[in-house]
Protein backbone atom coordinates (compact mmCIF):
# COMPACT_ATOMS: atom_id res chain seq x y z
CA MET A 1 11.59 -8.54 -17.12
CA GLU A 2 13.72 -11.47 -18.23
CA LYS A 3 11.71 -14.65 -18.84
CA ASP A 4 13.87 -16.63 -16.42
CA ALA A 5 13.83 -13.97 -13.68
CA LYS A 6 12.68 -14.97 -10.21
CA ILE A 7 9.45 -13.09 -9.49
CA TYR A 8 7.76 -12.83 -6.09
CA VAL A 9 4.03 -12.05 -6.05
CA ALA A 10 2.98 -11.01 -2.55
CA GLY A 11 -0.68 -11.79 -2.01
CA HIS A 12 -0.94 -14.33 -4.85
CA ARG A 13 -4.25 -15.75 -3.66
CA GLY A 14 -6.06 -12.43 -3.61
CA LEU A 15 -8.00 -10.67 -6.34
CA VAL A 16 -5.00 -8.75 -7.72
CA GLY A 17 -2.21 -11.19 -6.93
CA SER A 18 -3.93 -14.16 -8.54
CA ALA A 19 -4.56 -12.11 -11.69
CA ILE A 20 -0.89 -11.12 -11.84
CA VAL A 21 0.15 -14.77 -11.49
CA ARG A 22 -2.23 -15.76 -14.30
CA LYS A 23 -0.83 -13.04 -16.54
CA LEU A 24 2.80 -13.90 -15.75
CA LYS A 25 2.24 -17.57 -16.61
CA GLN A 26 0.35 -16.61 -19.75
CA ASP A 27 3.31 -14.49 -20.86
CA GLY A 28 5.83 -17.27 -20.26
CA TYR A 29 7.19 -16.44 -16.79
CA GLU A 30 7.60 -19.69 -14.85
CA ASN A 31 10.10 -18.88 -12.09
CA LEU A 32 7.48 -17.57 -9.66
CA VAL A 33 7.68 -17.49 -5.87
CA CYS A 34 4.35 -17.52 -4.05
CA LYS A 35 3.78 -18.03 -0.33
CA THR A 36 0.51 -18.39 1.57
CA ARG A 37 -0.13 -16.43 4.75
CA LYS A 38 0.59 -19.57 6.79
CA GLU A 39 3.90 -20.05 4.99
CA LEU A 40 4.96 -16.39 5.27
CA ASP A 41 3.47 -13.85 7.66
CA LEU A 42 4.14 -10.52 5.94
CA VAL A 43 3.31 -8.65 9.15
CA SER A 44 6.39 -10.25 10.75
CA GLN A 45 9.55 -8.26 10.05
CA GLU A 46 11.83 -11.18 10.87
CA ALA A 47 9.92 -13.64 8.66
CA VAL A 48 9.94 -11.27 5.67
CA PHE A 49 13.64 -10.47 6.06
CA ASP A 50 14.54 -14.19 6.22
CA PHE A 51 12.39 -14.92 3.17
CA PHE A 52 14.06 -12.26 1.01
CA GLN A 53 17.55 -13.26 2.11
CA LYS A 54 16.81 -16.89 1.21
CA GLU A 55 14.86 -16.46 -2.04
CA ARG A 56 16.53 -13.33 -3.47
CA PRO A 57 13.75 -12.50 -5.99
CA ASP A 58 14.63 -10.30 -8.96
CA TYR A 59 11.22 -8.63 -9.20
CA VAL A 60 8.38 -8.08 -6.73
CA PHE A 61 4.68 -7.37 -7.19
CA LEU A 62 3.40 -6.12 -3.82
CA SER A 63 -0.33 -6.80 -3.98
CA ALA A 64 -0.76 -8.20 -0.46
CA ALA A 65 -2.98 -6.00 1.68
CA ARG A 66 -5.93 -5.99 4.02
CA VAL A 67 -8.83 -4.68 1.94
CA GLY A 68 -12.59 -4.27 2.23
CA GLY A 69 -15.59 -2.04 1.74
CA ILE A 70 -17.19 0.63 3.93
CA MET A 71 -18.41 -1.80 6.61
CA ALA A 72 -15.05 -3.57 6.92
CA ASN A 73 -13.16 -0.27 7.18
CA ALA A 74 -15.57 1.01 9.84
CA THR A 75 -15.39 -2.20 11.87
CA TYR A 76 -11.62 -2.88 11.74
CA PRO A 77 -9.79 0.47 11.38
CA ALA A 78 -6.92 -0.60 13.64
CA GLU A 79 -6.25 -3.76 11.65
CA PHE A 80 -6.43 -1.85 8.37
CA VAL A 81 -3.75 0.66 9.34
CA TYR A 82 -1.50 -1.71 11.33
CA GLU A 83 -1.45 -4.69 8.97
CA ASN A 84 -1.05 -2.64 5.79
CA ILE A 85 1.75 -0.47 7.14
CA SER A 86 3.51 -3.56 8.49
CA ILE A 87 3.26 -5.45 5.19
CA GLU A 88 4.51 -2.49 3.16
CA THR A 89 7.44 -1.55 5.36
CA ASN A 90 8.60 -5.15 5.73
CA VAL A 91 8.45 -6.02 2.02
CA ILE A 92 9.81 -2.73 0.65
CA HIS A 93 12.70 -2.58 3.12
CA SER A 94 13.63 -6.23 2.60
CA ALA A 95 13.41 -5.80 -1.17
CA TRP A 96 16.01 -3.05 -0.95
CA GLN A 97 18.22 -5.06 1.41
CA SER A 98 18.21 -8.11 -0.86
CA GLY A 99 18.89 -6.17 -4.07
CA VAL A 100 15.54 -6.57 -5.87
CA LYS A 101 15.81 -5.13 -9.40
CA LYS A 102 12.32 -3.62 -9.48
CA LEU A 103 9.22 -3.56 -7.29
CA LEU A 104 5.64 -2.61 -8.15
CA PHE A 105 3.50 -1.38 -5.25
CA LEU A 106 -0.29 -1.40 -5.49
CA GLY A 107 -1.95 1.76 -4.19
CA SER A 108 -5.65 2.53 -4.69
CA SER A 109 -7.84 5.27 -6.11
CA CYS A 110 -9.71 5.46 -2.80
CA ILE A 111 -6.73 7.18 -1.17
CA TYR A 112 -7.21 10.38 -3.18
CA PRO A 113 -8.80 13.29 -1.26
CA LYS A 114 -12.53 13.05 -0.49
CA ASN A 115 -13.43 16.14 -2.51
CA CYS A 116 -10.86 15.57 -5.22
CA PRO A 117 -11.44 17.31 -8.58
CA GLN A 118 -12.70 14.91 -11.23
CA PRO A 119 -11.27 13.10 -13.04
CA MET A 120 -8.51 12.51 -10.50
CA LYS A 121 -5.02 13.29 -11.74
CA GLU A 122 -1.94 11.80 -10.09
CA GLU A 123 -0.83 15.20 -8.76
CA TYR A 124 -4.03 15.53 -6.69
CA LEU A 125 -2.82 13.00 -4.10
CA LEU A 126 -2.46 14.67 -0.65
CA SER A 127 -4.14 17.85 -1.90
CA GLY A 128 -7.06 17.62 0.56
CA TYR A 129 -8.75 15.72 3.38
CA LEU A 130 -9.26 11.95 3.04
CA GLU A 131 -12.60 10.14 2.98
CA THR A 132 -13.31 9.30 6.63
CA THR A 133 -14.82 5.88 5.88
CA ASN A 134 -11.44 4.48 4.77
CA GLU A 135 -8.91 6.89 6.27
CA PRO A 136 -6.76 4.27 8.11
CA TYR A 137 -6.39 2.23 4.92
CA ALA A 138 -5.62 5.35 2.87
CA ILE A 139 -2.96 6.57 5.30
CA ALA A 140 -1.28 3.17 5.19
CA LYS A 141 -1.23 3.09 1.40
CA ILE A 142 0.09 6.65 1.20
CA ALA A 143 2.89 5.63 3.55
CA GLY A 144 3.80 2.79 1.18
CA ILE A 145 3.93 5.13 -1.81
CA ASN A 146 6.07 7.61 0.08
CA MET A 147 8.39 4.83 1.20
CA CYS A 148 8.94 3.67 -2.39
CA GLN A 149 9.74 7.25 -3.42
CA ALA A 150 12.09 7.78 -0.47
CA TYR A 151 14.04 4.59 -1.21
CA ASN A 152 14.31 5.58 -4.86
CA ARG A 153 15.79 8.94 -3.88
CA GLN A 154 18.18 7.66 -1.23
CA TYR A 155 19.12 4.18 -2.46
CA LYS A 156 18.50 4.52 -6.22
CA THR A 157 16.01 1.65 -6.20
CA ARG A 158 13.45 1.09 -8.97
CA PHE A 159 10.21 0.97 -6.98
CA ILE A 160 7.07 2.12 -8.79
CA SER A 161 3.58 2.75 -7.39
CA VAL A 162 0.34 2.30 -9.33
CA MET A 163 -3.13 3.59 -8.50
CA PRO A 164 -5.84 1.21 -9.74
CA THR A 165 -9.51 2.16 -9.71
CA ASN A 166 -12.25 -0.08 -8.24
CA LEU A 167 -11.49 -3.68 -9.20
CA TYR A 168 -13.53 -6.84 -9.66
CA GLY A 169 -13.16 -10.32 -11.15
CA PRO A 170 -12.10 -13.89 -10.27
CA ASN A 171 -11.06 -14.46 -6.63
CA ASP A 172 -12.93 -11.36 -5.48
CA ASN A 173 -14.32 -11.17 -1.95
CA PHE A 174 -18.05 -11.94 -2.05
CA ASP A 175 -18.62 -11.81 1.73
CA LEU A 176 -21.48 -9.35 2.26
CA LYS A 177 -19.97 -8.18 5.56
CA ASN A 178 -16.74 -6.82 4.09
CA SER A 179 -16.86 -6.90 0.28
CA HIS A 180 -16.84 -4.03 -2.19
CA VAL A 181 -19.97 -2.92 -4.00
CA LEU A 182 -19.75 -4.89 -7.25
CA PRO A 183 -19.14 -8.39 -5.82
CA ALA A 184 -21.72 -7.64 -3.12
CA LEU A 185 -24.30 -6.84 -5.79
CA ILE A 186 -23.46 -10.02 -7.72
CA ARG A 187 -24.01 -12.13 -4.62
CA LYS A 188 -27.16 -10.30 -3.49
CA PHE A 189 -28.84 -10.59 -6.89
CA ASP A 190 -27.75 -14.18 -7.41
CA GLU A 191 -29.06 -15.29 -4.00
CA ALA A 192 -32.30 -13.36 -4.48
CA LYS A 193 -32.80 -15.03 -7.84
CA GLN A 194 -32.14 -18.51 -6.44
CA LYS A 195 -34.60 -17.91 -3.56
CA ASN A 196 -37.22 -16.24 -5.78
CA GLU A 197 -37.13 -13.11 -3.63
CA LYS A 198 -38.95 -10.05 -4.92
CA GLU A 199 -36.66 -7.33 -3.53
CA VAL A 200 -32.98 -6.60 -2.93
CA GLU A 201 -31.74 -3.92 -0.55
CA ILE A 202 -28.82 -1.76 -1.65
CA TRP A 203 -26.79 0.49 0.63
CA GLY A 204 -26.96 4.25 0.08
CA THR A 205 -28.86 6.39 -2.38
CA GLY A 206 -27.48 4.89 -5.57
CA THR A 207 -26.26 8.31 -6.76
CA PRO A 208 -22.46 8.03 -6.19
CA ARG A 209 -20.48 7.48 -9.37
CA ARG A 210 -17.78 4.83 -9.60
CA GLU A 211 -15.32 3.49 -12.16
CA PHE A 212 -14.73 -0.27 -12.46
CA LEU A 213 -11.76 -2.13 -13.96
CA HIS A 214 -11.59 -5.89 -14.50
CA VAL A 215 -8.64 -7.32 -12.59
CA ASP A 216 -7.28 -9.04 -15.71
CA ASP A 217 -6.94 -5.61 -17.30
CA LEU A 218 -5.10 -4.45 -14.17
CA SER A 219 -2.64 -7.34 -14.31
CA ASP A 220 -2.00 -6.58 -17.98
CA ALA A 221 -1.28 -2.96 -17.05
CA CYS A 222 1.04 -3.97 -14.20
CA LEU A 223 3.23 -6.10 -16.46
CA PHE A 224 3.18 -3.34 -19.05
CA LEU A 225 4.41 -0.82 -16.48
CA MET A 226 7.12 -3.13 -15.19
CA ASP A 227 8.58 -3.00 -18.69
CA ASN A 228 7.73 0.59 -19.64
CA TYR A 229 7.66 2.83 -16.56
CA GLU A 230 10.53 4.00 -14.35
CA ASP A 231 9.26 7.18 -12.64
CA SER A 232 8.81 7.50 -8.88
CA SER A 233 5.57 9.41 -9.42
CA ILE A 234 2.38 7.40 -9.05
CA ILE A 235 0.47 6.37 -12.16
CA ASN A 236 -3.28 5.74 -12.46
CA ILE A 237 -4.75 2.55 -13.92
CA GLY A 238 -8.41 2.72 -14.89
CA VAL A 239 -10.93 2.90 -17.70
CA GLY A 240 -11.45 6.67 -17.61
CA LYS A 241 -15.26 6.58 -17.31
CA ASP A 242 -17.76 5.95 -14.52
CA ILE A 243 -21.40 5.04 -13.83
CA THR A 244 -23.76 5.57 -10.88
CA ILE A 245 -24.28 2.80 -8.33
CA ARG A 246 -27.92 2.71 -9.47
CA GLU A 247 -26.81 2.12 -13.08
CA LEU A 248 -24.36 -0.52 -11.88
CA ALA A 249 -27.09 -2.29 -9.89
CA ASP A 250 -29.38 -2.33 -12.92
CA LEU A 251 -26.55 -3.74 -15.04
CA VAL A 252 -25.67 -6.49 -12.53
CA ALA A 253 -29.33 -7.40 -12.05
CA GLY A 254 -29.70 -7.74 -15.81
CA VAL A 255 -26.62 -9.95 -16.15
CA VAL A 256 -27.66 -12.20 -13.25
CA GLY A 257 -31.30 -12.28 -14.34
CA PHE A 258 -32.93 -10.76 -11.26
CA SER A 259 -36.16 -8.97 -12.19
CA GLY A 260 -37.42 -7.92 -8.75
CA ASN A 261 -37.46 -4.53 -7.00
CA LEU A 262 -34.31 -2.62 -5.98
CA ARG A 263 -34.72 -0.78 -2.67
CA TYR A 264 -32.10 1.81 -1.72
CA ASP A 265 -31.40 2.35 2.00
CA SER A 266 -30.47 6.04 2.21
CA SER A 267 -29.65 5.70 5.92
CA LYS A 268 -26.46 3.83 4.93
CA PRO A 269 -23.36 5.83 3.89
CA ASP A 270 -22.63 6.58 0.25
CA GLY A 271 -18.92 7.24 0.65
CA THR A 272 -17.25 9.55 -1.86
CA LEU A 273 -19.87 10.93 -4.28
CA VAL A 274 -17.73 10.85 -7.42
CA LYS A 275 -14.53 8.94 -8.10
CA ARG A 276 -13.02 8.59 -11.56
CA LEU A 277 -9.38 8.45 -12.58
CA ASP A 278 -7.62 10.51 -15.19
CA THR A 279 -5.85 7.84 -17.23
CA SER A 280 -4.12 10.09 -19.75
CA LYS A 281 -0.69 9.28 -18.29
CA ILE A 282 -0.84 5.51 -18.83
CA ASN A 283 -2.75 5.96 -22.09
CA GLY A 284 0.11 8.17 -23.27
CA LEU A 285 2.47 5.24 -22.73
CA GLY A 286 0.29 3.09 -24.97
CA TRP A 287 -1.86 1.06 -22.56
CA TYR A 288 -5.67 0.82 -22.68
CA PRO A 289 -8.14 -1.62 -21.01
CA LYS A 290 -9.73 -4.31 -23.17
CA ILE A 291 -12.62 -5.79 -21.10
CA SER A 292 -16.01 -4.03 -21.17
CA LEU A 293 -17.98 -3.69 -17.92
CA ASP A 294 -20.85 -5.85 -19.17
CA GLU A 295 -18.46 -8.61 -20.29
CA GLY A 296 -16.47 -8.36 -17.07
CA ILE A 297 -19.52 -8.60 -14.80
CA ARG A 298 -20.73 -11.67 -16.69
CA HIS A 299 -17.28 -13.24 -16.30
CA ALA A 300 -17.19 -12.42 -12.55
CA TRP A 301 -20.69 -13.83 -11.98
CA GLN A 302 -19.86 -17.05 -13.83
CA TRP A 303 -16.71 -17.42 -11.71
CA TYR A 304 -18.78 -16.86 -8.56
CA ARG A 305 -21.24 -19.58 -9.53
CA THR A 306 -18.59 -22.04 -10.70
CA ASN A 307 -16.55 -21.76 -7.52
CA ASP A 308 -19.46 -22.41 -5.14
CA ILE A 309 -18.96 -19.18 -3.23
CA CYS A 310 -22.72 -19.11 -2.62
């Protein structure tokens, strides 16, 4: 990307979007366009069309989405499928209409099949049934990927789709009602420590295995791919290794300094039992993550405390 190019980051206040903005500024990109939800409703086709016709961005990072953990997906399935499909179709179509040079669409590793072979290769997408706990979200994201590929075939656009693993870091969602597992654990352990509680409850059995990538590593990968990847096929972004939720909980408790008991509620759903990405494709291009899980958790916890989320 040219240093003076106009770049639109959709969802710039979220976990991923804010990290992309930080990385762009760090690398010398200053001509950024960012709009809040109040300023631009991405669910509105008319509003998005007018925005693209007026601003005419050169490049687009499409990180805006409705996201959440198991509870949020179970509670708001209609919103997850409707809002995400609306955002994707509006932004991708308007990007083509306004002549955007290149667009990067954020998928997610959770849209791979429920019983996907491990580690998950890019070609495994749509090879089996989806995980029921997040099916509406997954279907919406798959539609966005397919739309990028269809526009590339028909209109010769340069729209790429990336598949990040589980993310965490600054500007994460720490709301216990709809957050993902890692920020939820940070908040639970931090609050328990502050209140001198002796026990923390954790959903599920603790046996599922998950892979975690710091969002600053993701933003680094996204800029790398904007400069080095042109294929319509999806590409995974991850660390290539996983740990159990029980191991993660022990790690977070140690970082936060909670020394009480961890009680696992096996009546709550575990979700997919194993989920780890095959990252050989992006590694073959020359990109590798730099932030260790221990370092990243400490960074995320310090951000949580500093920003008075609690």
